[in-house]
Structures are given as structure tokens and as C-alpha cells.
């Protein structure tokens, strides 16, 4: 028998619905209802309405509207007792989407590609959201059942098999979680309790109630969710989506509470656990330790570095790229993390950000691509479409020799030609139409032809986005480059802070990190660039000619050097 409990202070009556039978539930003074059942699937009936899934459902085998399934986490046989994730400072993170990573798009099928990631030198695999969302395919950021793995990817045990198999290969696994909003279809939380607030809004729907009346249980809901993934599924960390849309004016911010509870779980489990945030606030308090007045998050994504690097390599200046485009911006991102550290942003039309001070640069992730920067383009083009192979190599070299933790997106390591487009599978016609029309309006405002913007609801947008693994052989040059970069990364002098020299007119840049130098020639002309008199070459993207205290680099090339002391 299993005790079923649900927090539902809104309805006056809650019944447990099992096998077409209604069973009474009993409420305590705090709004929790309880009942005992031996059933494997169940729903709740609130005030005589239609059956609804459990807000804390562990499994939705029939989708977001169906009954909830009982999961006994203790029954799974783990084999990873000895596994310990590598420290973040030595991490190489690989972001992937389960539905497009393999042809089958399941947890079990992803296991067969883990050997490729391990041999590449990846240390951490980051899964885009796998929590239950509407339809059979989608990005996952419109999830509604936060405790349940998405039914189309496989049952809960399949997700555990994936994590266990990754650990067997020395790979840590991170999970992307969404705590700033819930999706529009299958979102029944408001019928149970005050999970949302009208005090704030987000671009994707109602804001989660973290600081108004009855918010204690809402915070508990989210913290329990985070701890569940780390404890019951053995994830090694979480990536927190868009924390700038998490609104909380409490004296103890929700992120600080979450950080403290994860640290306590870490001590109990004896395993290293990570919290990584996505934030466009350029606010160093996110990754400042709690003892120093911050939220205590371990690391955060660094969009300024991406934007500066992308704008230099592609020449693109539309949208937020209008704030970037010079080597000076790229140099500042490499040394200061935030290009906008209180500086005026023309795109935002206001001053933005704050200097990170003495925070370790290892608290920030650097990348040439990620799901957002590819998928939020109208056609979902990757860097391999937007720039030539020579510039791809420059971008990758800076990602892996920068002072940040490197992250790459699925297929980036072999210059995948397949796009990663925005795709959804909402069965509600009104929501489907709103998503399609909203996508077209969004990109029309940037000057894109609405007729050329793929319909997210079209199955072809999803199928086009699946990786073509046959390109591993045909794109071996880029794959070899990524292998070499990952291999030499431990040899890079990780002394901080780094320094950068550059010549805006001649378009060359030197990143210096202790004895190591990454020298980039972004121009379409050969350049003679000053270097230390005694050095060894760790890696070069093209043939070059050293000349005394100078090195002549071919157009659009990069070399990584290590100074030799006599």
C-alpha cells in the first residue's frame, strides 16, 4: 500500500480517483490531503470536477492530462556507488536534447552514444529538460509535471539507466530544470493551490509564487523537486533555467535557500553536487558564496562572452549582437567576464550589469554555441553554417583556452550541418496556433520574412533537428580539432587573471594565461604577430612560419603556445 498526499488548500473537497472509483481523502490544518491505495495509477478529483494528475506526479505514462503513476525509487539497482564527478574547474560540459540526440530520441538510445562523449574527453553531460511536457516532442521548457520524466523519452527506470551508464563511463550528468514558469498545456497547479502570483509576470506566463501568501509550500515544492532529481535519479547537478525570471523579494532568496539545501544533501550523500544558473542579469551575486551575501550558485552561463565571440567571427549585428562586434569587447569578456558591467547598452537602452570583481572565472561557463543561441534563430542555423571551418576553429580554441568552464552543444564537435530549430507538439489547437503566430511575429520584428520561418508545430522542424551521426566520418577535421583542444586543455596554464592584447585594425588577438598564449588571426590576410622568443606549439589550426620573436599566421587561423623557460 502507498500513502498518497497532495497539498491542495484551494478546493473544499479532494477525492482519490482509482479504477473509476472515488475514495475520500482527509485534510490536515495545513492544506495537505491524504489517502492510502494499492493502485499503480491514480488521479485527484477536486470539488467534484474532472480527474487531474498529481502536482508531484512521479510518472505520467499517458501524457500531461492522464493519471499519475506510482514509482518506487528504492527498487532500482544502481551500480555507481564509487562514482564521483570531476570538479567543475576541470569540467568539459556537453549539452544535449534527448529527442534529437539519437534517431530514436529516447533515454535508452542515448546510452549508445555515451562512449563517443567519453572518448572525446567530455566530463559532464547536461540534459535539456526531460520533465513531462505537452505532446511527444519539444524543447522541454514548457514542462508541467516537474517530478516526472517525459513519457516519450522512456519510463523513470530508463532515465536511471542512462545516468547509471554515464557514471560507468566516468561521465557526470546534469539536468536542466525550469522553476521560473510552467507550460500552458496540462498546467493544473492553480486548481490545487496558490502556486502562481499576479504580482509579477514572465515572458512565458504567470510567475511562480515565491514571496506572497502561502509561498512557503510553493518553495518547498521546488526545493523538493531539485533534491529528488539529485537523490533519486543520481544527477550530479542542475542547470537552473532563466533565473532572471524568478521573482522573489524575500529576505532569503529562493536561490539561496535552494543552494543551502543542496549543500546539505551533498553532505548526506557524500557526492559533489552542482548548481549552474542561466542569467542575463550580469549580476555577480548569483555566484557569490552565501557567506559573502550572494546566492551561492556554483557557476552561471556567460552570454557576453558568447555574443562577443559570435559577433567577431560572423559579423552579425542584429538584435542583441548590436551591442558587440569589436575585438575590444571580446578582450573584455575574456578578462572581465561581463562586457556590460554597468556600461550603457544600446540594445537595452539603459546601463546594464555589474563588475564581477575578484570572483574566479571558473564560476562562469563559456561557449560558442548552445541550444538558445542556435534554436532562437529563425532557421536554427549552427555556427558551422554561419562561419567557415577556419573561424569555427578559432572560436573553439578560444572557448577551450579561455578562463571559463567550456560547454559545447550536441554535434558541435563534428560541425553538424543539421539545424536545431524550435519545435513543439501541442495538441491544443489554440495553444498550437498561438505558438506558431507568436514565433512569426517575434522574428518579423527582426526583419525576417515570416513565410520563411519554420512552423514549430510542423513535425519536420523536429525531424530536421535530429543529429546525423554519419557526419562523424565526413567532418573528421573539426572532430579532430575538438579532440585536440580538449586533450591540451589540462596543459594550459590556468593562472588568473588572464590578460589580452589585440589590434583592432589588423584583427589579431592574443589571450595570455601564465605561460600559455592563444594567438588568433581573425583577418583574411596573413599576419606577423609578436610571441615569446622560446615557446613550444601545443596546437595550430594551419601551417605557420615562426620568425625570431614573431610568428606569421595564415589568414583566419589560431595557434596555442606554451612558453619555454631556459
Foldseek 3Di string as FASTA:
>chain_A
DDKDKAQFQQFPFKWKADPNDTHGWDADPRRMTIDDDPDQWIFMQGPNHDTAEGLQAQADQPALRGTGGDDDLVPADFDQLPFAADDLQLAEEEEEEQQFADVLSALQVVLVCLVVCLLLQHREYEYQAQATDFDLDFSRQQHANLNYGHNNRHHPSSLLVSQRSNRVSNHAYEYEGEQFDHHDPSHPVVNRHQQFDPPDADPHGTGGDCADPPNVVNLVVVLVSQVCCCPSSVHQEYEYEACVSHDYPDPQDSLLVSLVVVVVVCVVSVYHHAYEYEYPQQELLQCDCVVVPRSNHQAYEQVQLLLQLQCCQQVDCFQQNVQHRFVVSNQCCLQFVDSQAQDQRPNVRGRGHRTNPPDQQQRYEDENDDLCVQALPQLQFDVVVRHPPLSLLLRLLCRLQGLYRYYYYNPSQLSFGQGQYGADAHPPVVVLVCQQVVSLVVVVVRVDDSVPGDRNNDVVNSVSRRTDVVSCVVSVLSNVSSSLSSVCSVVHQNADDWHKDADRVQQWIWIGRPQKIKIWRAAQAKDWAFADQAKDWSDWSDDWADDRRTIIDHHSIMTMIGGDDD
